[in-house]
């Protein structure tokens, strides 16, 4: 409980009030996301209480609200529904085991210090993935809101089946009215910039409407909450179930940590602090493990409920503790109240949350800045909405890695020249007035050398030599951007060195990083590249090697040698 260090008594009132305000969102959101995950709604309350208490004990962030999440709901249902019926006790047991696996993966990742795994998903990939999740979630809840049957696998099939059902049978008036009214009540506080969460208005309003209007027979309701503490039902699962859930758990664990890590780091940076990625991973793992054992399902940090806690004046994790205790009190003291809560209202809560997953401004900005990355975003969106959510995780990671390879495969490369009036050496394509140094070719390659770009590097240098149309004695590689080299690329460098030697040209490196130089020597090239092959700066290499004996204008070493 690091948040207890330096805790000020005056904060207690703020944390207590913020926790009370948070409850109005936690209860409907928890039950709604459980419904979206094809689980009993009460499981969403268990998955709300437990992680708040566990994270308060072990979490590194000053204030972070953990619980069910709209982005996780379709992943959970995709993992569970092939093995169990929606809303069944077996489905809940499978979801609990999934959370236990996720907790184990995250704790193992923390033990191995894999906190940097969030980097596996680039920004454009995340945009496309979350947009696909939003469509998947909304499409799955639309039939509930309309009061029709809308079976289907992909979101497109869901939408088609829902449209066909509405055309053939029409929407049921009561669920439709309650659902649309709930959406209006949720968006009203946003328009008026009120602090109370709109979900609270939607839940209270719909319960009153069902009660006063006598609509209990016209709508499908959540039903009363069961009494007693949750008991894990793992005994009804088979070894085959346990094996089947391992792969989905690994993918969901990556997404859980990616979302939580980004949110916690953003909040910490806003306050001028830092948060340990490894510590966050461990706390998230412990929270999921405990939640799975207590009748819940996988959880992550909430990007919608955390700001509510902050805006309500919350200062520390005590806000979450207060909220968890109040949710538990609600379950104990008013279990029958949910018998009047229509499922259409929970569907509306989920749909409203799903719209928050889409960032139109970021998508428009991506279109303006990079059409290639925009294409990657669309490809991720298409995969998530056609082949499946869990498969989409794999595709998202693969696309991120391919994007990295694409960038490193064809990096920016330049021939450098001397501008006598400006220190250093500069890209001739950007500074046509720069002059080539007599007898030398100065080249820069802005990427590590590896199997995919070794031939690109070699072809670039050969083209510079063949198009020089002047006497060249040395090729100087401005090697500061070359942060690594593998054996395949090394073979290309050796072939390039042989080709240059056959043309009477020597290959040298300037500003090559020590570890890369050590790797070159360790690969057995010590006899080929001696001490005179490496120079500390480009200017030092030019002074030693220029064909005019150094009679030209001297370059200045200022640390910015090649722009």
Protein backbone atom coordinates (compact mmCIF):
# COMPACT_ATOMS: atom_id res chain seq x y z
CA UNK A 1 0.00 0.00 0.00
CA UNK A 2 2.46 2.62 -1.21
CA UNK A 3 -0.34 5.21 -1.34
CA UNK A 4 -0.44 5.19 2.48
CA UNK A 5 2.99 6.82 2.61
CA UNK A 6 2.44 10.46 3.38
CA UNK A 7 -1.34 10.07 3.48
CA UNK A 8 -2.90 13.27 4.75
CA UNK A 9 -6.01 13.15 6.98
CA UNK A 10 -7.70 15.77 4.82
CA UNK A 11 -7.69 13.35 1.89
CA UNK A 12 -10.04 10.93 3.68
CA UNK A 13 -13.14 13.00 2.93
CA UNK A 14 -12.20 13.36 -0.73
CA UNK A 15 -11.52 9.63 -1.15
CA UNK A 16 -14.76 8.65 0.60
CA UNK A 17 -16.91 10.99 -1.51
CA UNK A 18 -15.16 9.94 -4.72
CA UNK A 19 -15.70 6.28 -3.86
CA UNK A 20 -19.39 6.92 -3.26
CA UNK A 21 -19.70 8.76 -6.57
CA UNK A 22 -17.88 5.94 -8.37
CA UNK A 23 -20.42 3.34 -7.22
CA UNK A 24 -23.07 4.86 -9.47
CA UNK A 25 -20.98 3.78 -12.46
CA UNK A 26 -19.40 0.60 -11.10
CA UNK A 27 -22.65 -1.31 -10.53
CA UNK A 28 -24.28 -0.81 -13.97
CA UNK A 29 -20.97 -1.05 -15.84
CA UNK A 30 -19.92 -4.24 -14.06
CA UNK A 31 -23.23 -5.96 -14.74
CA UNK A 32 -23.38 -4.69 -18.31
CA UNK A 33 -19.89 -5.87 -19.23
CA UNK A 34 -20.63 -9.27 -17.70
CA UNK A 35 -23.69 -9.50 -19.93
CA UNK A 36 -21.59 -8.47 -22.94
CA UNK A 37 -19.11 -11.25 -22.06
CA UNK A 38 -21.97 -13.81 -22.12
CA UNK A 39 -21.76 -14.26 -18.34
CA UNK A 40 -24.30 -13.85 -15.50
CA UNK A 41 -24.54 -10.12 -14.65
CA UNK A 42 -23.79 -10.76 -10.96
CA UNK A 43 -20.31 -11.91 -11.95
CA UNK A 44 -19.60 -8.32 -12.98
CA UNK A 45 -20.08 -7.21 -9.39
CA UNK A 46 -17.67 -9.86 -8.07
CA UNK A 47 -15.21 -8.75 -10.77
CA UNK A 48 -15.66 -5.17 -9.54
CA UNK A 49 -15.16 -5.69 -5.81
CA UNK A 50 -12.18 -8.06 -5.73
CA UNK A 51 -9.70 -6.26 -8.05
CA UNK A 52 -10.33 -2.91 -6.35
CA UNK A 53 -9.33 -4.38 -2.98
CA UNK A 54 -6.38 -6.38 -4.31
CA UNK A 55 -4.98 -3.53 -6.38
CA UNK A 56 -5.27 -1.17 -3.41
CA UNK A 57 -2.98 -3.54 -1.54
CA UNK A 58 -0.34 -4.19 -4.19
CA UNK A 59 -0.81 -1.68 -7.04
CA UNK A 60 1.93 0.89 -7.77
CA UNK A 61 -0.36 3.62 -9.16
CA UNK A 62 -1.69 6.28 -6.79
CA UNK A 63 -5.22 6.00 -8.20
CA UNK A 64 -6.30 3.47 -10.80
CA UNK A 65 -9.71 1.81 -11.03
CA UNK A 66 -9.65 -1.85 -12.06
CA UNK A 67 -12.68 -3.88 -13.09
CA UNK A 68 -14.62 -5.34 -16.02
CA UNK A 69 -13.92 -3.59 -19.30
CA UNK A 70 -15.89 -3.24 -22.52
CA UNK A 71 -12.80 -4.04 -24.62
CA UNK A 72 -12.30 -7.35 -22.79
CA UNK A 73 -15.92 -8.51 -23.01
CA UNK A 74 -15.79 -9.81 -26.62
CA UNK A 75 -12.45 -11.53 -25.93
CA UNK A 76 -13.92 -13.35 -22.95
CA UNK A 77 -17.03 -14.42 -24.85
CA UNK A 78 -14.91 -15.57 -27.81
CA UNK A 79 -12.90 -17.80 -25.49
CA UNK A 80 -15.86 -19.12 -23.46
CA UNK A 81 -18.80 -19.53 -25.86
CA UNK A 82 -17.28 -22.36 -27.93
CA UNK A 83 -17.16 -24.38 -24.71
CA UNK A 84 -20.32 -23.38 -22.82
CA UNK A 85 -23.76 -21.80 -23.18
CA UNK A 86 -24.05 -18.06 -22.62
CA UNK A 87 -24.91 -17.10 -19.06
CA UNK A 88 -24.39 -20.58 -17.66
CA UNK A 89 -22.48 -21.57 -14.52
CA UNK A 90 -20.03 -23.45 -16.74
CA UNK A 91 -19.37 -20.29 -18.76
CA UNK A 92 -18.61 -18.43 -15.53
CA UNK A 93 -16.26 -21.20 -14.39
CA UNK A 94 -14.42 -21.02 -17.72
CA UNK A 95 -14.15 -17.25 -17.45
CA UNK A 96 -12.81 -17.61 -13.91
CA UNK A 97 -10.16 -20.08 -15.09
CA UNK A 98 -9.31 -17.67 -17.92
CA UNK A 99 -8.71 -14.93 -15.33
CA UNK A 100 -6.53 -17.29 -13.27
CA UNK A 101 -4.43 -18.08 -16.35
CA UNK A 102 -4.13 -14.38 -17.20
CA UNK A 103 -3.03 -13.65 -13.65
CA UNK A 104 -0.42 -16.38 -13.90
CA UNK A 105 0.90 -15.09 -17.22
CA UNK A 106 1.15 -11.53 -15.88
CA UNK A 107 2.89 -12.63 -12.68
CA UNK A 108 5.35 -14.68 -14.74
CA UNK A 109 5.91 -11.66 -16.99
CA UNK A 110 6.60 -9.50 -13.94
CA UNK A 111 9.04 -12.10 -12.63
CA UNK A 112 10.85 -12.02 -15.99
CA UNK A 113 10.62 -8.21 -16.08
CA UNK A 114 8.68 -8.08 -19.33
CA UNK A 115 7.06 -4.73 -18.62
CA UNK A 116 8.13 -3.45 -22.04
CA UNK A 117 5.72 -5.83 -23.81
CA UNK A 118 3.25 -2.98 -24.31
CA UNK A 119 5.50 -1.88 -27.16
CA UNK A 120 4.34 -4.88 -29.21
CA UNK A 121 1.27 -2.90 -30.26
CA UNK A 122 1.90 0.29 -32.19
CA UNK A 123 -0.46 3.26 -32.04
CA UNK A 124 -2.16 2.66 -35.43
CA UNK A 125 -2.60 -1.04 -34.65
CA UNK A 126 -4.24 -0.19 -31.32
CA UNK A 127 -6.56 2.30 -33.04
CA UNK A 128 -7.74 -0.33 -35.51
CA UNK A 129 -8.02 -3.02 -32.86
CA UNK A 130 -10.12 -0.90 -30.50
CA UNK A 131 -12.35 0.26 -33.36
CA UNK A 132 -12.94 -3.39 -34.27
CA UNK A 133 -13.67 -4.22 -30.63
CA UNK A 134 -16.16 -1.33 -30.49
CA UNK A 135 -18.07 -2.62 -33.51
CA UNK A 136 -18.01 -6.18 -32.14
CA UNK A 137 -19.36 -5.10 -28.75
CA UNK A 138 -22.06 -2.81 -30.16
CA UNK A 139 -23.23 -5.39 -32.70
CA UNK A 140 -23.55 -8.07 -30.02
CA UNK A 141 -25.71 -5.84 -27.78
CA UNK A 142 -27.89 -4.27 -30.46
CA UNK A 143 -30.35 -7.24 -30.57
CA UNK A 144 -30.79 -6.98 -26.78
CA UNK A 145 -31.55 -3.28 -27.05
CA UNK A 146 -34.08 -3.90 -29.85
CA UNK A 147 -35.65 -6.92 -28.18
CA UNK A 148 -34.98 -9.26 -31.12
CA UNK A 149 -32.85 -12.32 -31.83
CA UNK A 150 -29.70 -11.49 -33.76
CA UNK A 151 -27.50 -14.60 -33.94
CA UNK A 152 -24.27 -14.52 -35.86
CA UNK A 153 -20.52 -14.99 -35.55
CA UNK A 154 -18.82 -11.82 -36.77
CA UNK A 155 -20.20 -8.35 -36.04
CA UNK A 156 -21.22 -8.05 -39.69
CA UNK A 157 -23.27 -11.25 -39.35
CA UNK A 158 -24.76 -9.93 -36.10
CA UNK A 159 -25.80 -6.71 -37.83
CA UNK A 160 -27.25 -8.54 -40.82
CA UNK A 161 -29.22 -10.95 -38.65
CA UNK A 162 -30.48 -8.11 -36.45
CA UNK A 163 -31.61 -6.09 -39.46
CA UNK A 164 -33.39 -9.14 -40.89
CA UNK A 165 -35.17 -9.79 -37.57
CA UNK A 166 -36.31 -6.17 -37.32
CA UNK A 167 -37.60 -6.20 -40.92
CA UNK A 168 -39.42 -9.50 -40.40
CA UNK A 169 -40.80 -9.09 -36.88
CA UNK A 170 -40.13 -5.49 -35.87
CA UNK A 171 -38.45 -4.26 -32.70
CA UNK A 172 -40.17 -4.76 -29.37
CA UNK A 173 -41.41 -1.35 -28.19
CA UNK A 174 -40.61 -1.66 -24.46
CA UNK A 175 -36.94 -2.75 -24.73
CA UNK A 176 -36.37 -0.28 -27.57
CA UNK A 177 -37.85 2.62 -25.61
CA UNK A 178 -35.91 1.74 -22.46
CA UNK A 179 -32.69 1.23 -24.40
CA UNK A 180 -32.91 4.49 -26.35
CA UNK A 181 -33.99 6.33 -23.22
CA UNK A 182 -31.02 4.92 -21.36
CA UNK A 183 -28.66 6.08 -24.13
CA UNK A 184 -30.17 9.56 -23.97
CA UNK A 185 -29.79 9.68 -20.18
CA UNK A 186 -26.16 8.56 -20.43
CA UNK A 187 -25.21 11.16 -23.01
CA UNK A 188 -27.10 13.98 -21.30
CA UNK A 189 -24.49 14.55 -18.54
CA UNK A 190 -21.77 14.65 -21.20
CA UNK A 191 -23.59 17.38 -23.11
CA UNK A 192 -24.30 19.36 -19.94
CA UNK A 193 -20.86 18.57 -18.47
CA UNK A 194 -22.30 17.19 -15.26
CA UNK A 195 -20.08 15.18 -12.95
CA UNK A 196 -22.50 12.35 -12.00
CA UNK A 197 -22.08 9.38 -14.37
CA UNK A 198 -24.83 9.04 -16.94
CA UNK A 199 -25.07 5.28 -16.34
CA UNK A 200 -26.47 6.03 -12.88
CA UNK A 201 -29.30 8.09 -14.39
CA UNK A 202 -29.97 5.37 -16.96
CA UNK A 203 -30.19 2.59 -14.37
CA UNK A 204 -32.36 4.52 -11.91
CA UNK A 205 -34.60 5.83 -14.67
CA UNK A 206 -35.14 2.42 -16.28
CA UNK A 207 -35.83 0.71 -12.93
CA UNK A 208 -38.43 3.36 -12.10
CA UNK A 209 -39.95 3.03 -15.58
CA UNK A 210 -40.31 -0.75 -15.25
CA UNK A 211 -41.75 -0.43 -11.74
CA UNK A 212 -44.17 2.44 -12.35
CA UNK A 213 -45.17 1.27 -15.82
CA UNK A 214 -45.73 -2.36 -14.84
CA UNK A 215 -43.35 -3.53 -17.59
CA UNK A 216 -41.98 -6.59 -15.84
CA UNK A 217 -43.68 -8.87 -18.39
CA UNK A 218 -42.70 -6.71 -21.35
CA UNK A 219 -38.91 -6.72 -20.88
CA UNK A 220 -36.19 -9.18 -20.00
CA UNK A 221 -34.76 -8.22 -16.60
CA UNK A 222 -31.47 -9.07 -14.94
CA UNK A 223 -33.24 -10.72 -12.00
CA UNK A 224 -32.43 -10.66 -8.28
CA UNK A 225 -28.86 -11.12 -7.15
CA UNK A 226 -27.94 -14.48 -5.59
CA UNK A 227 -27.20 -14.53 -1.87
CA UNK A 228 -23.99 -15.71 -0.26
CA UNK A 229 -20.36 -15.59 -1.26
CA UNK A 230 -19.26 -16.84 -4.69
CA UNK A 231 -17.75 -20.31 -4.81
CA UNK A 232 -15.41 -21.32 -7.68
CA UNK A 233 -16.97 -23.99 -9.91
CA UNK A 234 -13.74 -25.27 -11.43
CA UNK A 235 -14.62 -28.89 -10.57
CA UNK A 236 -17.04 -29.05 -13.51
CA UNK A 237 -14.26 -28.23 -15.99
CA UNK A 238 -12.26 -30.87 -17.82
CA UNK A 239 -8.51 -31.06 -18.60
CA UNK A 240 -9.41 -30.36 -22.23
CA UNK A 241 -11.07 -27.09 -21.16
CA UNK A 242 -7.95 -26.12 -19.23
CA UNK A 243 -5.72 -26.72 -22.25
CA UNK A 244 -8.06 -24.92 -24.66
CA UNK A 245 -8.00 -21.70 -22.62
CA UNK A 246 -4.20 -21.36 -22.44
CA UNK A 247 -3.70 -19.69 -25.84
CA UNK A 248 -6.63 -17.25 -25.49
CA UNK A 249 -5.39 -16.34 -22.01
CA UNK A 250 -1.97 -15.39 -23.37
CA UNK A 251 -3.51 -13.06 -25.95
CA UNK A 252 -5.94 -11.48 -23.52
CA UNK A 253 -3.12 -11.02 -20.97
CA UNK A 254 -1.18 -8.99 -23.53
CA UNK A 255 -4.17 -6.73 -24.21
CA UNK A 256 -4.96 -6.38 -20.49
CA UNK A 257 -1.44 -5.22 -19.71
CA UNK A 258 -1.20 -3.02 -22.80
CA UNK A 259 -4.37 -1.10 -21.87
CA UNK A 260 -3.49 -0.85 -18.19
CA UNK A 261 0.13 0.10 -18.82
CA UNK A 262 -0.76 2.91 -21.21
CA UNK A 263 -3.37 4.33 -18.82
CA UNK A 264 -1.22 4.14 -15.69
CA UNK A 265 1.81 5.67 -17.42
CA UNK A 266 -0.33 8.49 -18.85
CA UNK A 267 -1.82 9.34 -15.45
CA UNK A 268 1.57 9.20 -13.75
CA UNK A 269 3.16 11.46 -16.39
CA UNK A 270 0.35 13.97 -15.91
CA UNK A 271 1.37 14.22 -12.25
CA UNK A 272 5.11 14.28 -12.94
CA UNK A 273 5.65 10.78 -11.58
CA UNK A 274 6.66 7.42 -13.02
CA UNK A 275 5.19 3.95 -12.55
CA UNK A 276 7.08 0.68 -12.77
CA UNK A 277 5.80 -1.37 -15.69
CA UNK A 278 6.91 -4.54 -13.95
CA UNK A 279 5.15 -3.53 -10.74
CA UNK A 280 2.00 -2.75 -12.70
CA UNK A 281 2.15 -6.13 -14.39
CA UNK A 282 2.52 -7.92 -11.04
CA UNK A 283 -0.39 -6.03 -9.47
CA UNK A 284 -2.58 -6.68 -12.48
CA UNK A 285 -1.67 -10.37 -12.35
CA UNK A 286 -2.53 -10.63 -8.66
CA UNK A 287 -5.85 -8.84 -9.25
CA UNK A 288 -6.86 -11.19 -12.06
CA UNK A 289 -5.78 -14.27 -10.14
CA UNK A 290 -7.84 -13.27 -7.09
CA UNK A 291 -10.83 -12.26 -9.21
CA UNK A 292 -10.85 -15.57 -11.06
CA UNK A 293 -10.80 -17.47 -7.77
CA UNK A 294 -13.64 -15.34 -6.36
CA UNK A 295 -16.24 -15.97 -9.05
CA UNK A 296 -15.26 -13.15 -11.41
CA UNK A 297 -13.65 -12.91 -14.83
CA UNK A 298 -10.67 -11.09 -16.43
CA UNK A 299 -10.30 -7.40 -15.54
CA UNK A 300 -8.12 -4.47 -16.51
CA UNK A 301 -7.79 -0.79 -15.74
CA UNK A 302 -10.78 1.27 -16.80
CA UNK A 303 -10.21 4.35 -18.93
CA UNK A 304 -13.77 5.51 -18.22
CA UNK A 305 -14.12 4.88 -14.46
CA UNK A 306 -10.64 6.07 -13.47
CA UNK A 307 -11.28 9.64 -14.74
CA UNK A 308 -14.61 9.61 -12.87
CA UNK A 309 -12.76 8.85 -9.63
CA UNK A 310 -10.21 11.57 -10.31
CA UNK A 311 -12.78 14.20 -11.26
CA UNK A 312 -14.82 13.34 -8.16
CA UNK A 313 -11.83 14.33 -6.03
CA UNK A 314 -10.23 10.94 -5.37
CA UNK A 315 -6.66 11.18 -4.12
CA UNK A 316 -5.55 7.57 -3.50
CA UNK A 317 -6.54 3.93 -3.87
CA UNK A 318 -8.73 4.36 -0.79
CA UNK A 319 -11.29 5.62 -3.31
CA UNK A 320 -11.45 2.12 -4.81
CA UNK A 321 -11.64 0.48 -1.38
CA UNK A 322 -14.63 2.65 -0.41
CA UNK A 323 -16.31 1.92 -3.73
CA UNK A 324 -15.75 -1.83 -3.39
CA UNK A 325 -17.25 -1.87 0.12
CA UNK A 326 -20.29 0.09 -1.05
CA UNK A 327 -20.86 -2.31 -3.98
CA UNK A 328 -20.66 -5.22 -1.53
CA UNK A 329 -23.17 -3.42 0.72
CA UNK A 330 -25.52 -2.99 -2.24
CA UNK A 331 -25.36 -6.72 -2.99
CA UNK A 332 -26.09 -7.56 0.66
CA UNK A 333 -28.80 -5.01 1.37
CA UNK A 334 -30.67 -4.59 -1.94
CA UNK A 335 -30.29 -7.83 -3.92
CA UNK A 336 -33.85 -7.69 -5.24
CA UNK A 337 -33.51 -4.28 -6.86
CA UNK A 338 -31.94 -5.74 -10.00
CA UNK A 339 -35.10 -7.76 -10.62
CA UNK A 340 -36.47 -4.55 -12.15
CA UNK A 341 -33.33 -3.71 -14.15
CA UNK A 342 -33.95 -4.41 -17.86
CA UNK A 343 -31.26 -6.08 -19.94
CA UNK A 344 -31.85 -3.43 -22.61
CA UNK A 345 -30.46 -0.81 -20.22
CA UNK A 346 -27.31 -2.85 -19.66
CA UNK A 347 -27.00 -3.20 -23.44
CA UNK A 348 -27.24 0.57 -23.74
CA UNK A 349 -24.50 0.99 -21.12
CA UNK A 350 -22.25 -1.35 -23.12
CA UNK A 351 -22.98 0.37 -26.45
CA UNK A 352 -22.26 3.79 -24.94
CA UNK A 353 -18.96 2.50 -23.56
CA UNK A 354 -18.07 0.92 -26.90
CA UNK A 355 -18.38 4.25 -28.69
CA UNK A 356 -15.71 5.59 -26.34
CA UNK A 357 -13.23 3.04 -27.68
CA UNK A 358 -13.18 4.77 -31.07
CA UNK A 359 -10.98 7.86 -31.42
CA UNK A 360 -12.11 9.71 -34.59
CA UNK A 361 -9.61 12.54 -34.12
CA UNK A 362 -6.68 10.14 -33.90
CA UNK A 363 -7.93 8.27 -36.97
CA UNK A 364 -8.26 11.51 -38.96
CA UNK A 365 -4.80 12.60 -37.81
CA UNK A 366 -3.35 9.25 -38.89
CA UNK A 367 -4.91 9.68 -42.35
CA UNK A 368 -3.21 13.06 -42.70
CA UNK A 369 0.19 11.93 -41.43
CA UNK A 370 0.71 8.45 -42.89
CA UNK A 371 -1.40 6.57 -45.42
CA UNK A 372 0.66 3.41 -44.84
CA UNK A 373 -0.06 3.39 -41.10
CA UNK A 374 -3.69 4.23 -41.84
CA UNK A 375 -3.75 1.13 -44.03
CA UNK A 376 -2.33 -0.95 -41.17
CA UNK A 377 -5.08 0.36 -38.92
CA UNK A 378 -7.76 -0.60 -41.45
CA UNK A 379 -6.20 -4.05 -41.88
CA UNK A 380 -6.32 -4.63 -38.12
CA UNK A 381 -9.93 -3.44 -37.98
CA UNK A 382 -10.87 -5.77 -40.83
CA UNK A 383 -9.19 -8.78 -39.19
CA UNK A 384 -10.83 -8.19 -35.80
CA UNK A 385 -14.29 -7.83 -37.35
CA UNK A 386 -14.03 -10.76 -39.77
CA UNK A 387 -11.83 -13.55 -38.42
CA UNK A 388 -12.47 -12.98 -34.71
CA UNK A 389 -11.39 -11.02 -31.67
CA UNK A 390 -8.83 -13.47 -30.27
CA UNK A 391 -7.37 -14.13 -33.69
CA UNK A 392 -7.29 -10.37 -34.14
CA UNK A 393 -4.89 -10.09 -31.20
CA UNK A 394 -2.41 -12.33 -33.00
CA UNK A 395 -2.90 -10.41 -36.23
CA UNK A 396 -2.41 -7.11 -34.40
CA UNK A 397 0.90 -8.23 -32.92
CA UNK A 398 2.09 -9.67 -36.24
CA UNK A 399 1.14 -6.47 -38.08
CA UNK A 400 3.02 -4.40 -35.51
CA UNK A 401 6.13 -6.52 -35.99
CA UNK A 402 5.77 -6.39 -39.77
CA UNK A 403 5.41 -2.62 -39.55
CA UNK A 404 8.70 -2.50 -37.65
CA UNK A 405 10.38 -4.73 -40.25
CA UNK A 406 8.98 -2.53 -43.02
CA UNK A 407 10.49 0.56 -41.46
CA UNK A 408 13.86 -1.10 -40.89
CA UNK A 409 13.81 -2.78 -44.29
CA UNK A 410 13.81 0.45 -46.24
CA UNK A 411 15.06 3.14 -43.85
CA UNK A 412 16.05 6.64 -44.79
CA UNK A 413 19.55 6.75 -46.26
CA UNK A 414 21.63 9.65 -47.48
CA UNK A 415 24.93 10.73 -48.97
CA UNK A 416 26.54 13.45 -46.86
CA UNK A 417 28.45 16.55 -47.93
CA UNK A 418 30.34 19.46 -46.40
CA UNK A 419 28.81 22.91 -45.93
CA UNK A 420 31.78 25.16 -45.12
CA UNK A 421 29.59 27.69 -43.33
CA UNK A 422 27.83 25.10 -41.10
CA UNK A 423 29.55 22.60 -38.79
CA UNK A 424 29.19 18.91 -39.56
CA UNK A 425 28.17 16.97 -42.66
CA UNK A 426 24.74 17.18 -44.20
CA UNK A 427 22.30 15.27 -46.40
CA UNK A 428 23.06 16.35 -49.96
CA UNK A 429 19.50 15.69 -51.11
CA UNK A 430 18.23 18.21 -48.53
CA UNK A 431 21.18 20.61 -48.86
CA UNK A 432 22.18 20.71 -52.56
CA UNK A 433 24.79 23.35 -51.77
CA UNK A 434 26.78 20.82 -49.71
CA UNK A 435 30.02 19.73 -51.40
CA UNK A 436 31.33 16.18 -51.64
CA UNK A 437 34.68 15.66 -49.95
CA UNK A 438 37.46 14.86 -52.46
CA UNK A 439 38.29 11.16 -52.56
CA UNK A 440 35.57 10.20 -50.07
CA UNK A 441 31.98 9.03 -50.07
CA UNK A 442 30.15 9.78 -46.83
CA UNK A 443 26.99 7.72 -46.35
CA UNK A 444 24.37 7.32 -43.60
CA UNK A 445 21.94 4.41 -43.13
CA UNK A 446 19.26 5.07 -40.52
CA UNK A 447 18.54 1.60 -39.13
CA UNK A 448 20.14 -1.44 -37.50
CA UNK A 449 21.56 -3.90 -40.01
CA UNK A 450 19.75 -7.24 -40.05
CA UNK A 451 18.75 -10.00 -42.45
CA UNK A 452 16.01 -7.99 -44.16
CA UNK A 453 17.98 -4.84 -45.00
CA UNK A 454 21.58 -6.03 -45.40
CA UNK A 455 21.22 -6.19 -49.18
CA UNK A 456 19.52 -2.76 -49.18
CA UNK A 457 22.53 -1.29 -47.38
CA UNK A 458 24.98 -2.98 -49.74
CA UNK A 459 23.06 -1.88 -52.85
CA UNK A 460 22.91 1.70 -51.54
CA UNK A 461 26.70 1.92 -51.08
CA UNK A 462 27.43 0.27 -54.43
CA UNK A 463 25.11 2.72 -56.20
CA UNK A 464 26.92 5.68 -54.60
CA UNK A 465 30.27 4.33 -55.79
CA UNK A 466 29.08 3.52 -59.31
CA UNK A 467 27.51 6.96 -59.74
CA UNK A 468 30.40 8.90 -58.20
CA UNK A 469 32.21 9.59 -61.53
CA UNK A 470 35.31 10.66 -59.58
CA UNK A 471 38.25 9.03 -57.86
CA UNK A 472 37.20 7.50 -54.53
CA UNK A 473 39.59 6.00 -51.99
CA UNK A 474 37.35 5.51 -48.97
CA UNK A 475 33.70 5.04 -48.10
CA UNK A 476 32.91 6.42 -44.64
CA UNK A 477 29.78 5.10 -43.02
CA UNK A 478 28.24 7.57 -40.56
CA UNK A 479 27.21 4.65 -38.36
CA UNK A 480 25.59 6.28 -35.33
CA UNK A 481 22.05 5.13 -36.36
CA UNK A 482 23.28 1.53 -36.81
CA UNK A 483 22.42 0.16 -33.38
CA UNK A 484 22.85 -3.53 -34.19
CA UNK A 485 23.95 -6.10 -36.75
CA UNK A 486 23.16 -9.78 -37.22
CA UNK A 487 25.15 -12.50 -38.98
CA UNK A 488 23.22 -12.26 -42.27
CA UNK A 489 23.83 -8.51 -42.50
CA UNK A 490 27.48 -9.07 -41.52
CA UNK A 491 27.90 -11.40 -44.49
CA UNK A 492 26.56 -8.62 -46.72
CA UNK A 493 29.01 -6.13 -45.20
CA UNK A 494 31.89 -8.54 -45.86
CA UNK A 495 30.79 -9.01 -49.48
CA UNK A 496 30.52 -5.23 -49.82
CA UNK A 497 34.01 -4.80 -48.35
CA UNK A 498 35.39 -7.33 -50.89
CA UNK A 499 33.64 -5.52 -53.75
CA UNK A 500 35.00 -2.15 -52.63
CA UNK A 501 38.50 -3.59 -52.21
CA UNK A 502 38.35 -4.91 -55.77
CA UNK A 503 37.71 -1.32 -56.85
CA UNK A 504 40.59 0.03 -54.74
CA UNK A 505 38.28 1.49 -52.08
CA UNK A 506 38.47 0.99 -48.33
CA UNK A 507 35.39 0.76 -46.12
CA UNK A 508 35.53 2.53 -42.72
CA UNK A 509 33.03 3.34 -39.96
CA UNK A 510 32.59 6.53 -37.96
CA UNK A 511 30.64 6.88 -34.72
CA UNK A 512 29.91 3.15 -34.62
CA UNK A 513 28.54 2.29 -31.19
CA UNK A 514 30.82 0.24 -28.97
CA UNK A 515 28.52 -2.78 -28.61
CA UNK A 516 28.07 -3.00 -32.40
CA UNK A 517 31.81 -2.74 -32.93
CA UNK A 518 32.37 -5.47 -30.36
CA UNK A 519 29.83 -7.63 -32.18
CA UNK A 520 31.65 -7.12 -35.48
CA UNK A 521 34.89 -8.25 -33.90
CA UNK A 522 33.22 -11.14 -32.08
CA UNK A 523 31.80 -12.44 -35.37
CA UNK A 524 35.36 -13.14 -36.49
CA UNK A 525 36.10 -10.05 -38.56
CA UNK A 526 39.03 -8.89 -36.43
CA UNK A 527 41.48 -9.70 -39.21
CA UNK A 528 39.42 -7.82 -41.77
CA UNK A 529 38.58 -4.67 -39.80
CA UNK A 530 41.49 -3.28 -37.80
CA UNK A 531 41.78 -0.24 -35.50
CA UNK A 532 42.20 2.08 -38.48
CA UNK A 533 38.72 1.06 -39.70
CA UNK A 534 36.89 2.80 -36.85
CA UNK A 535 36.81 6.53 -36.12
CA UNK A 536 35.15 8.35 -33.22
CA UNK A 537 33.45 10.95 -35.45
CA UNK A 538 32.80 11.59 -39.12
CA UNK A 539 34.98 14.69 -38.97
CA UNK A 540 37.88 12.71 -37.52
CA UNK A 541 37.61 10.19 -40.35
CA UNK A 542 37.48 12.96 -42.97
CA UNK A 543 40.53 14.70 -41.54
CA UNK A 544 42.50 11.46 -41.64
CA UNK A 545 41.40 10.23 -45.05
CA UNK A 546 40.50 13.12 -47.36
CA UNK A 547 42.31 12.99 -50.68
CA UNK A 548 43.43 16.63 -50.65
CA UNK A 549 45.54 16.03 -47.54
CA UNK A 550 43.35 18.22 -45.36
CA UNK A 551 43.88 21.41 -47.35
CA UNK A 552 40.15 22.00 -47.78
CA UNK A 553 37.98 23.82 -45.28
CA UNK A 554 38.07 21.99 -41.92
CA UNK A 555 34.88 20.54 -40.45
CA UNK A 556 34.00 21.19 -36.84
CA UNK A 557 33.16 18.40 -34.41
CA UNK A 558 30.06 19.65 -32.67
CA UNK A 559 28.21 16.40 -32.09
CA UNK A 560 25.79 17.15 -34.96
CA UNK A 561 27.81 15.76 -37.82
CA UNK A 562 25.24 14.62 -40.36
CA UNK A 563 21.89 16.32 -40.82
